[in-house]
PDB file of N, CA and C in Angstrom:
ATOM      1  N   UNK A   1      74.904  60.030  77.556  1.00  0.00           N
ATOM      2  CA  UNK A   1      74.657  60.355  79.004  1.00  0.00           C
ATOM      3  C   UNK A   1      73.142  60.772  79.219  1.00  0.00           C
ATOM      4  N   UNK A   2      72.587  60.264  80.097  1.00  0.00           N
ATOM      5  CA  UNK A   2      71.245  60.564  80.489  1.00  0.00           C
ATOM      6  C   UNK A   2      71.185  61.881  81.315  1.00  0.00           C
ATOM      7  N   UNK A   3      70.082  62.519  81.352  1.00  0.00           N
ATOM      8  CA  UNK A   3      69.903  63.678  82.108  1.00  0.00           C
ATOM      9  C   UNK A   3      69.990  63.437  83.653  1.00  0.00           C
ATOM     10  N   UNK A   4      69.777  62.024  84.010  1.00  0.00           N
ATOM     11  CA  UNK A   4      69.770  61.686  85.462  1.00  0.00           C
ATOM     12  C   UNK A   4      71.231  61.403  85.916  1.00  0.00           C
ATOM     13  N   UNK A   5      72.233  61.305  85.100  1.00  0.00           N
ATOM     14  CA  UNK A   5      73.568  61.179  85.495  1.00  0.00           C
ATOM     15  C   UNK A   5      74.193  62.313  86.121  1.00  0.00           C
ATOM     16  N   UNK A   6      73.555  63.530  85.772  1.00  0.00           N
ATOM     17  CA  UNK A   6      74.097  64.779  86.405  1.00  0.00           C
ATOM     18  C   UNK A   6      72.961  65.242  87.490  1.00  0.00           C
ATOM     19  N   UNK A   7      73.207  64.644  88.634  1.00  0.00           N
ATOM     20  CA  UNK A   7      72.246  64.889  89.692  1.00  0.00           C
ATOM     21  C   UNK A   7      72.478  66.333  90.338  1.00  0.00           C
ATOM     22  N   UNK A   8      73.664  66.833  90.150  1.00  0.00           N
ATOM     23  CA  UNK A   8      73.997  68.123  90.716  1.00  0.00           C
ATOM     24  C   UNK A   8      73.457  69.340  89.766  1.00  0.00           C
ATOM     25  N   UNK A   9      72.637  70.162  90.079  1.00  0.00           N
ATOM     26  CA  UNK A   9      72.105  71.239  89.320  1.00  0.00           C
ATOM     27  C   UNK A   9      73.226  72.108  88.902  1.00  0.00           C
ATOM     28  N   UNK A  10      72.923  72.772  87.818  1.00  0.00           N
ATOM     29  CA  UNK A  10      74.050  73.708  87.203  1.00  0.00           C
ATOM     30  C   UNK A  10      74.370  74.802  88.140  1.00  0.00           C
ATOM     31  N   UNK A  11      73.485  75.346  88.881  1.00  0.00           N
ATOM     32  CA  UNK A  11      73.712  76.508  89.724  1.00  0.00           C
ATOM     33  C   UNK A  11      74.714  75.991  90.831  1.00  0.00           C
ATOM     34  N   UNK A  12      74.507  74.899  91.413  1.00  0.00           N
ATOM     35  CA  UNK A  12      75.383  74.429  92.429  1.00  0.00           C
ATOM     36  C   UNK A  12      76.687  74.220  92.013  1.00  0.00           C
ATOM     37  N   UNK A  13      76.839  73.555  90.746  1.00  0.00           N
ATOM     38  CA  UNK A  13      78.191  73.340  90.186  1.00  0.00           C
ATOM     39  C   UNK A  13      78.818  74.577  89.867  1.00  0.00           C
ATOM     40  N   UNK A  14      78.121  75.461  89.391  1.00  0.00           N
ATOM     41  CA  UNK A  14      78.770  76.950  89.040  1.00  0.00           C
ATOM     42  C   UNK A  14      79.262  77.552  90.381  1.00  0.00           C
ATOM     43  N   UNK A  15      78.368  77.496  91.421  1.00  0.00           N
ATOM     44  CA  UNK A  15      78.793  78.077  92.646  1.00  0.00           C
ATOM     45  C   UNK A  15      80.067  77.395  93.241  1.00  0.00           C
ATOM     46  N   UNK A  16      80.122  76.096  93.118  1.00  0.00           N
ATOM     47  CA  UNK A  16      81.280  75.377  93.634  1.00  0.00           C
ATOM     48  C   UNK A  16      82.469  75.668  92.844  1.00  0.00           C
ATOM     49  N   UNK A  17      82.456  75.813  91.475  1.00  0.00           N
ATOM     50  CA  UNK A  17      83.525  76.226  90.755  1.00  0.00           C
ATOM     51  C   UNK A  17      83.987  77.643  90.917  1.00  0.00           C
ATOM     52  N   UNK A  18      83.053  78.503  91.148  1.00  0.00           N
ATOM     53  CA  UNK A  18      83.338  79.872  91.541  1.00  0.00           C
ATOM     54  C   UNK A  18      84.056  79.965  92.905  1.00  0.00           C
ATOM     55  N   UNK A  19      83.672  79.172  93.758  1.00  0.00           N
ATOM     56  CA  UNK A  19      84.321  79.122  95.111  1.00  0.00           C
ATOM     57  C   UNK A  19      85.787  78.679  94.969  1.00  0.00           C
ATOM     58  N   UNK A  20      86.012  77.652  94.220  1.00  0.00           N
ATOM     59  CA  UNK A  20      87.327  77.094  93.927  1.00  0.00           C
ATOM     60  C   UNK A  20      88.185  78.098  93.194  1.00  0.00           C
ATOM     61  N   UNK A  21      87.797  78.814  92.334  1.00  0.00           N
ATOM     62  CA  UNK A  21      88.507  79.917  91.572  1.00  0.00           C
ATOM     63  C   UNK A  21      88.782  80.933  92.596  1.00  0.00           C
ATOM     64  N   UNK A  22      87.922  81.394  93.466  1.00  0.00           N
ATOM     65  CA  UNK A  22      88.125  82.368  94.518  1.00  0.00           C
ATOM     66  C   UNK A  22      89.122  81.918  95.457  1.00  0.00           C
ATOM     67  N   UNK A  23      89.199  80.631  95.903  1.00  0.00           N
ATOM     68  CA  UNK A  23      90.137  80.118  96.801  1.00  0.00           C
ATOM     69  C   UNK A  23      91.544  80.151  96.108  1.00  0.00           C
ATOM     70  N   UNK A  24      91.682  79.756  94.925  1.00  0.00           N
ATOM     71  CA  UNK A  24      92.913  79.811  94.204  1.00  0.00           C
ATOM     72  C   UNK A  24      93.434  81.284  93.967  1.00  0.00           C
ATOM     73  N   UNK A  25      92.539  82.201  93.733  1.00  0.00           N
ATOM     74  CA  UNK A  25      92.871  83.658  93.669  1.00  0.00           C
ATOM     75  C   UNK A  25      93.360  84.138  94.963  1.00  0.00           C
ATOM     76  N   UNK A  26      92.772  83.728  96.102  1.00  0.00           N
ATOM     77  CA  UNK A  26      93.289  84.102  97.504  1.00  0.00           C
ATOM     78  C   UNK A  26      94.641  83.419  97.708  1.00  0.00           C
ATOM     79  N   UNK A  27      94.805  82.192  97.330  1.00  0.00           N
ATOM     80  CA  UNK A  27      96.177  81.557  97.481  1.00  0.00           C
ATOM     81  C   UNK A  27      97.153  82.340  96.715  1.00  0.00           C
ATOM     82  N   UNK A  28      96.923  82.574  95.480  1.00  0.00           N
ATOM     83  CA  UNK A  28      97.912  83.358  94.723  1.00  0.00           C
ATOM     84  C   UNK A  28      98.177  84.803  95.346  1.00  0.00           C
ATOM     85  N   UNK A  29      97.134  85.433  95.812  1.00  0.00           N
ATOM     86  CA  UNK A  29      97.389  86.798  96.431  1.00  0.00           C
ATOM     87  C   UNK A  29      98.238  86.683  97.537  1.00  0.00           C
ATOM     88  N   UNK A  30      97.985  85.712  98.391  1.00  0.00           N
ATOM     89  CA  UNK A  30      98.775  85.492  99.712  1.00  0.00           C
ATOM     90  C   UNK A  30     100.112  85.028  99.533  1.00  0.00           C
ATOM     91  N   UNK A  31     100.306  84.246  98.552  1.00  0.00           N
ATOM     92  CA  UNK A  31     101.658  83.843  98.120  1.00  0.00           C
ATOM     93  C   UNK A  31     102.477  84.940  97.589  1.00  0.00           C
ATOM     94  N   UNK A  32     101.907  85.863  96.816  1.00  0.00           N
ATOM     95  CA  UNK A  32     102.459  87.071  96.390  1.00  0.00           C
ATOM     96  C   UNK A  32     102.952  87.951  97.424  1.00  0.00           C
ATOM     97  N   UNK A  33     101.940  88.087  98.482  1.00  0.00           N
ATOM     98  CA  UNK A  33     102.358  89.001  99.545  1.00  0.00           C
ATOM     99  C   UNK A  33     103.521  88.422 100.289  1.00  0.00           C
ATOM    100  N   UNK A  34     103.576  87.121 100.496  1.00  0.00           N
ATOM    101  CA  UNK A  34     104.756  86.554 101.214  1.00  0.00           C
ATOM    102  C   UNK A  34     106.038  86.684 100.336  1.00  0.00           C
ATOM    103  N   UNK A  35     105.949  86.552  99.082  1.00  0.00           N
ATOM    104  CA  UNK A  35     107.127  86.718  98.140  1.00  0.00           C
ATOM    105  C   UNK A  35     107.512  88.246  98.251  1.00  0.00           C
ATOM    106  N   UNK A  36     106.668  89.235  98.289  1.00  0.00           N
ATOM    107  CA  UNK A  36     106.936  90.642  98.411  1.00  0.00           C
ATOM    108  C   UNK A  36     107.586  90.847  99.600  1.00  0.00           C
ATOM    109  N   UNK A  37     107.110  90.347 100.779  1.00  0.00           N
ATOM    110  CA  UNK A  37     107.730  90.524 102.104  1.00  0.00           C
ATOM    111  C   UNK A  37     109.132  90.007 102.122  1.00  0.00           C
ATOM    112  N   UNK A  38     109.409  88.870 101.642  1.00  0.00           N
ATOM    113  CA  UNK A  38     110.750  88.379 101.581  1.00  0.00           C
ATOM    114  C   UNK A  38     111.668  89.123 100.578  1.00  0.00           C
ATOM    115  N   UNK A  39     111.061  89.585  99.536  1.00  0.00           N
ATOM    116  CA  UNK A  39     111.827  90.307  98.582  1.00  0.00           C
ATOM    117  C   UNK A  39     112.392  91.660  99.178  1.00  0.00           C
ATOM    118  N   UNK A  40     111.415  92.338  99.759  1.00  0.00           N
ATOM    119  CA  UNK A  40     111.812  93.675 100.350  1.00  0.00           C
ATOM    120  C   UNK A  40     112.778  93.541 101.409  1.00  0.00           C
ATOM    121  N   UNK A  41     112.634  92.452 102.295  1.00  0.00           N
ATOM    122  CA  UNK A  41     113.674  92.275 103.296  1.00  0.00           C
ATOM    123  C   UNK A  41     114.954  91.855 102.702  1.00  0.00           C
ATOM    124  N   UNK A  42     114.977  91.017 101.751  1.00  0.00           N
ATOM    125  CA  UNK A  42     116.235  90.688 101.178  1.00  0.00           C
ATOM    126  C   UNK A  42     116.959  91.868 100.372  1.00  0.00           C
ATOM    127  N   UNK A  43     116.158  92.787  99.794  1.00  0.00           N
ATOM    128  CA  UNK A  43     116.764  93.778  99.032  1.00  0.00           C
ATOM    129  C   UNK A  43     117.438  94.703 100.078  1.00  0.00           C
ATOM    130  N   UNK A  44     116.769  95.120 101.125  1.00  0.00           N
ATOM    131  CA  UNK A  44     117.366  95.974 102.159  1.00  0.00           C
ATOM    132  C   UNK A  44     118.564  95.297 102.727  1.00  0.00           C
ATOM    133  N   UNK A  45     118.529  94.109 103.113  1.00  0.00           N
ATOM    134  CA  UNK A  45     119.619  93.289 103.691  1.00  0.00           C
ATOM    135  C   UNK A  45     120.860  93.360 102.685  1.00  0.00           C
ATOM    136  N   UNK A  46     120.581  93.150 101.426  1.00  0.00           N
ATOM    137  CA  UNK A  46     121.699  93.143 100.473  1.00  0.00           C
ATOM    138  C   UNK A  46     122.278  94.580 100.314  1.00  0.00           C
ATOM    139  N   UNK A  47     121.409  95.635 100.262  1.00  0.00           N
ATOM    140  CA  UNK A  47     121.980  96.937 100.194  1.00  0.00           C
ATOM    141  C   UNK A  47     122.774  97.259 101.334  1.00  0.00           C
ATOM    142  N   UNK A  48     122.436  96.849 102.462  1.00  0.00           N
ATOM    143  CA  UNK A  48     123.195  97.131 103.681  1.00  0.00           C
ATOM    144  C   UNK A  48     124.431  96.398 103.701  1.00  0.00           C
ATOM    145  N   UNK A  49     124.512  95.097 103.206  1.00  0.00           N
ATOM    146  CA  UNK A  49     125.741  94.262 103.107  1.00  0.00           C
ATOM    147  C   UNK A  49     126.643  94.954 102.095  1.00  0.00           C
ATOM    148  N   UNK A  50     126.021  95.398 100.884  1.00  0.00           N
ATOM    149  CA  UNK A  50     127.077  96.002  99.977  1.00  0.00           C
ATOM    150  C   UNK A  50     127.658  97.268 100.521  1.00  0.00           C
ATOM    151  N   UNK A  51     126.675  98.188 101.154  1.00  0.00           N
ATOM    152  CA  UNK A  51     127.322  99.432 101.688  1.00  0.00           C
ATOM    153  C   UNK A  51     128.278  99.144 102.818  1.00  0.00           C
ATOM    154  N   UNK A  52     128.083  98.179 103.589  1.00  0.00           N
ATOM    155  CA  UNK A  52     129.100  97.759 104.641  1.00  0.00           C
ATOM    156  C   UNK A  52     130.432  97.444 103.896  1.00  0.00           C
ATOM    157  N   UNK A  53     130.260  96.800 102.878  1.00  0.00           N
ATOM    158  CA  UNK A  53     131.625  96.384 102.120  1.00  0.00           C
ATOM    159  C   UNK A  53     132.308  97.558 101.623  1.00  0.00           C
ATOM    160  N   UNK A  54     131.505  98.458 101.042  1.00  0.00           N
ATOM    161  CA  UNK A  54     132.123  99.736 100.475  1.00  0.00           C
ATOM    162  C   UNK A  54     132.538 100.764 101.568  1.00  0.00           C
ATOM    163  N   UNK A  55     131.954 100.761 102.663  1.00  0.00           N
ATOM    164  CA  UNK A  55     132.271 101.800 103.604  1.00  0.00           C
ATOM    165  C   UNK A  55     132.998 101.222 104.849  1.00  0.00           C
ATOM    166  N   UNK A  56     133.171  99.872 104.868  1.00  0.00           N
ATOM    167  CA  UNK A  56     133.926  99.318 105.967  1.00  0.00           C
ATOM    168  C   UNK A  56     133.202  99.423 107.302  1.00  0.00           C
ATOM    169  N   UNK A  57     131.885  99.326 107.404  1.00  0.00           N
ATOM    170  CA  UNK A  57     131.162  99.521 108.636  1.00  0.00           C
ATOM    171  C   UNK A  57     130.597  98.243 109.105  1.00  0.00           C
ATOM    172  N   UNK A  58     131.058  97.101 108.704  1.00  0.00           N
ATOM    173  CA  UNK A  58     130.418  95.704 109.048  1.00  0.00           C
ATOM    174  C   UNK A  58     130.156  95.813 110.505  1.00  0.00           C
ATOM    175  N   UNK A  59     129.069  95.149 110.942  1.00  0.00           N
ATOM    176  CA  UNK A  59     127.837  94.683 110.357  1.00  0.00           C
ATOM    177  C   UNK A  59     126.756  95.666 110.340  1.00  0.00           C
ATOM    178  N   UNK A  60     127.006  96.955 110.714  1.00  0.00           N
ATOM    179  CA  UNK A  60     126.009  97.921 111.140  1.00  0.00           C
ATOM    180  C   UNK A  60     124.982  98.308 110.056  1.00  0.00           C
ATOM    181  N   UNK A  61     125.536  98.509 108.855  1.00  0.00           N
ATOM    182  CA  UNK A  61     124.540  98.768 107.804  1.00  0.00           C
ATOM    183  C   UNK A  61     123.633  97.529 107.360  1.00  0.00           C
ATOM    184  N   UNK A  62     124.313  96.386 107.566  1.00  0.00           N
ATOM    185  CA  UNK A  62     123.538  95.196 107.207  1.00  0.00           C
ATOM    186  C   UNK A  62     122.293  95.020 108.285  1.00  0.00           C
ATOM    187  N   UNK A  63     122.778  95.284 109.506  1.00  0.00           N
ATOM    188  CA  UNK A  63     121.629  95.204 110.599  1.00  0.00           C
ATOM    189  C   UNK A  63     120.553  96.293 110.267  1.00  0.00           C
ATOM    190  N   UNK A  64     121.110  97.472 109.919  1.00  0.00           N
ATOM    191  CA  UNK A  64     120.167  98.551 109.681  1.00  0.00           C
ATOM    192  C   UNK A  64     119.310  98.219 108.542  1.00  0.00           C
ATOM    193  N   UNK A  65     119.856  97.655 107.485  1.00  0.00           N
ATOM    194  CA  UNK A  65     119.014  97.329 106.208  1.00  0.00           C
ATOM    195  C   UNK A  65     118.087  96.206 106.627  1.00  0.00           C
ATOM    196  N   UNK A  66     118.397  95.234 107.455  1.00  0.00           N
ATOM    197  CA  UNK A  66     117.476  94.199 107.813  1.00  0.00           C
ATOM    198  C   UNK A  66     116.295  94.827 108.643  1.00  0.00           C
ATOM    199  N   UNK A  67     116.605  95.753 109.626  1.00  0.00           N
ATOM    200  CA  UNK A  67     115.467  96.292 110.320  1.00  0.00           C
ATOM    201  C   UNK A  67     114.602  97.210 109.466  1.00  0.00           C
ATOM    202  N   UNK A  68     115.239  98.092 108.680  1.00  0.00           N
ATOM    203  CA  UNK A  68     114.395  98.790 107.722  1.00  0.00           C
ATOM    204  C   UNK A  68     113.548  97.990 106.697  1.00  0.00           C
ATOM    205  N   UNK A  69     114.216  96.888 106.265  1.00  0.00           N
ATOM    206  CA  UNK A  69     113.517  96.019 105.304  1.00  0.00           C
ATOM    207  C   UNK A  69     112.247  95.381 106.001  1.00  0.00           C
ATOM    208  N   UNK A  70     112.500  94.937 107.272  1.00  0.00           N
ATOM    209  CA  UNK A  70     111.395  94.357 108.103  1.00  0.00           C
ATOM    210  C   UNK A  70     110.317  95.304 108.422  1.00  0.00           C
ATOM    211  N   UNK A  71     110.657  96.404 108.715  1.00  0.00           N
ATOM    212  CA  UNK A  71     109.511  97.541 108.970  1.00  0.00           C
ATOM    213  C   UNK A  71     108.764  97.806 107.689  1.00  0.00           C
ATOM    214  N   UNK A  72     109.546  98.154 106.548  1.00  0.00           N
ATOM    215  CA  UNK A  72     109.023  98.440 105.362  1.00  0.00           C
ATOM    216  C   UNK A  72     107.974  97.282 104.814  1.00  0.00           C
ATOM    217  N   UNK A  73     108.459  96.063 104.986  1.00  0.00           N
ATOM    218  CA  UNK A  73     107.667  94.872 104.450  1.00  0.00           C
ATOM    219  C   UNK A  73     106.461  94.675 105.287  1.00  0.00           C
ATOM    220  N   UNK A  74     106.603  94.948 106.643  1.00  0.00           N
ATOM    221  CA  UNK A  74     105.466  94.744 107.575  1.00  0.00           C
ATOM    222  C   UNK A  74     104.372  95.831 107.214  1.00  0.00           C
ATOM    223  N   UNK A  75     104.849  97.010 107.024  1.00  0.00           N
ATOM    224  CA  UNK A  75     103.893  98.096 106.570  1.00  0.00           C
ATOM    225  C   UNK A  75     103.173  97.851 105.315  1.00  0.00           C
ATOM    226  N   UNK A  76     103.944  97.430 104.382  1.00  0.00           N
ATOM    227  CA  UNK A  76     103.288  97.086 102.994  1.00  0.00           C
ATOM    228  C   UNK A  76     102.260  95.888 103.316  1.00  0.00           C
ATOM    229  N   UNK A  77     102.651  94.808 104.187  1.00  0.00           N
ATOM    230  CA  UNK A  77     101.728  93.836 104.373  1.00  0.00           C
ATOM    231  C   UNK A  77     100.513  94.277 105.144  1.00  0.00           C
ATOM    232  N   UNK A  78     100.632  95.056 106.042  1.00  0.00           N
ATOM    233  CA  UNK A  78      99.524  95.552 106.853  1.00  0.00           C
ATOM    234  C   UNK A  78      98.535  96.371 105.944  1.00  0.00           C
ATOM    235  N   UNK A  79      99.068  97.207 104.997  1.00  0.00           N
ATOM    236  CA  UNK A  79      98.315  97.976 104.069  1.00  0.00           C
ATOM    237  C   UNK A  79      97.566  97.074 103.008  1.00  0.00           C
ATOM    238  N   UNK A  80      98.200  95.988 102.693  1.00  0.00           N
ATOM    239  CA  UNK A  80      97.577  95.155 101.661  1.00  0.00           C
ATOM    240  C   UNK A  80      96.430  94.221 102.184  1.00  0.00           C
ATOM    241  N   UNK A  81      96.614  93.864 103.456  1.00  0.00           N
ATOM    242  CA  UNK A  81      95.493  92.853 103.922  1.00  0.00           C
ATOM    243  C   UNK A  81      94.373  93.761 104.601  1.00  0.00           C
ATOM    244  N   UNK A  82      93.158  93.490 104.136  1.00  0.00           N
ATOM    245  CA  UNK A  82      92.019  94.240 104.645  1.00  0.00           C
ATOM    246  C   UNK A  82      91.789  93.858 106.124  1.00  0.00           C
ATOM    247  N   UNK A  83      91.176  94.750 107.010  1.00  0.00           N
ATOM    248  CA  UNK A  83      90.874  94.355 108.343  1.00  0.00           C
ATOM    249  C   UNK A  83      89.790  93.294 108.402  1.00  0.00           C
ATOM    250  N   UNK A  84      89.959  92.495 109.487  1.00  0.00           N
ATOM    251  CA  UNK A  84      88.963  91.472 109.576  1.00  0.00           C
ATOM    252  C   UNK A  84      87.687  91.896 110.050  1.00  0.00           C
ATOM    253  N   UNK A  85      86.525  91.447 109.629  1.00  0.00           N
ATOM    254  CA  UNK A  85      85.258  91.766 110.087  1.00  0.00           C
ATOM    255  C   UNK A  85      84.811  90.872 111.288  1.00  0.00           C
ATOM    256  N   UNK A  86      84.215  91.511 112.289  1.00  0.00           N
ATOM    257  CA  UNK A  86      83.709  90.590 113.437  1.00  0.00           C
ATOM    258  C   UNK A  86      82.640  89.729 112.927  1.00  0.00           C
ATOM    259  N   UNK A  87      82.659  88.418 113.449  1.00  0.00           N
ATOM    260  CA  UNK A  87      81.589  87.454 112.964  1.00  0.00           C
ATOM    261  C   UNK A  87      80.139  88.001 113.385  1.00  0.00           C
ATOM    262  N   UNK A  88      79.205  87.688 112.492  1.00  0.00           N
ATOM    263  CA  UNK A  88      77.807  88.057 112.685  1.00  0.00           C
ATOM    264  C   UNK A  88      77.207  87.012 113.619  1.00  0.00           C
ATOM    265  N   UNK A  89      76.400  87.430 114.525  1.00  0.00           N
ATOM    266  CA  UNK A  89      75.873  86.500 115.348  1.00  0.00           C
ATOM    267  C   UNK A  89      74.551  86.853 115.935  1.00  0.00           C
TER     268      UNK A  89
END
């Protein structure tokens, strides 16, 4: 391989690879947040369903579990995502 076959300077290639790694890291982080949201909601819904079966209160504890799970998952999501910055102009 000759030196001219690599037209792209190392700094540009390193910057592009770093951006790709950053994008993959962001993707993993956001996918994890989505999984966490779904898991919290499902856990509270299942707990409500189970308690309904034990106490004979169908469907009220299931509904309450879904609502509490949604609120808890939303609070966790809002805390995990940083606020957006206004665009510079």
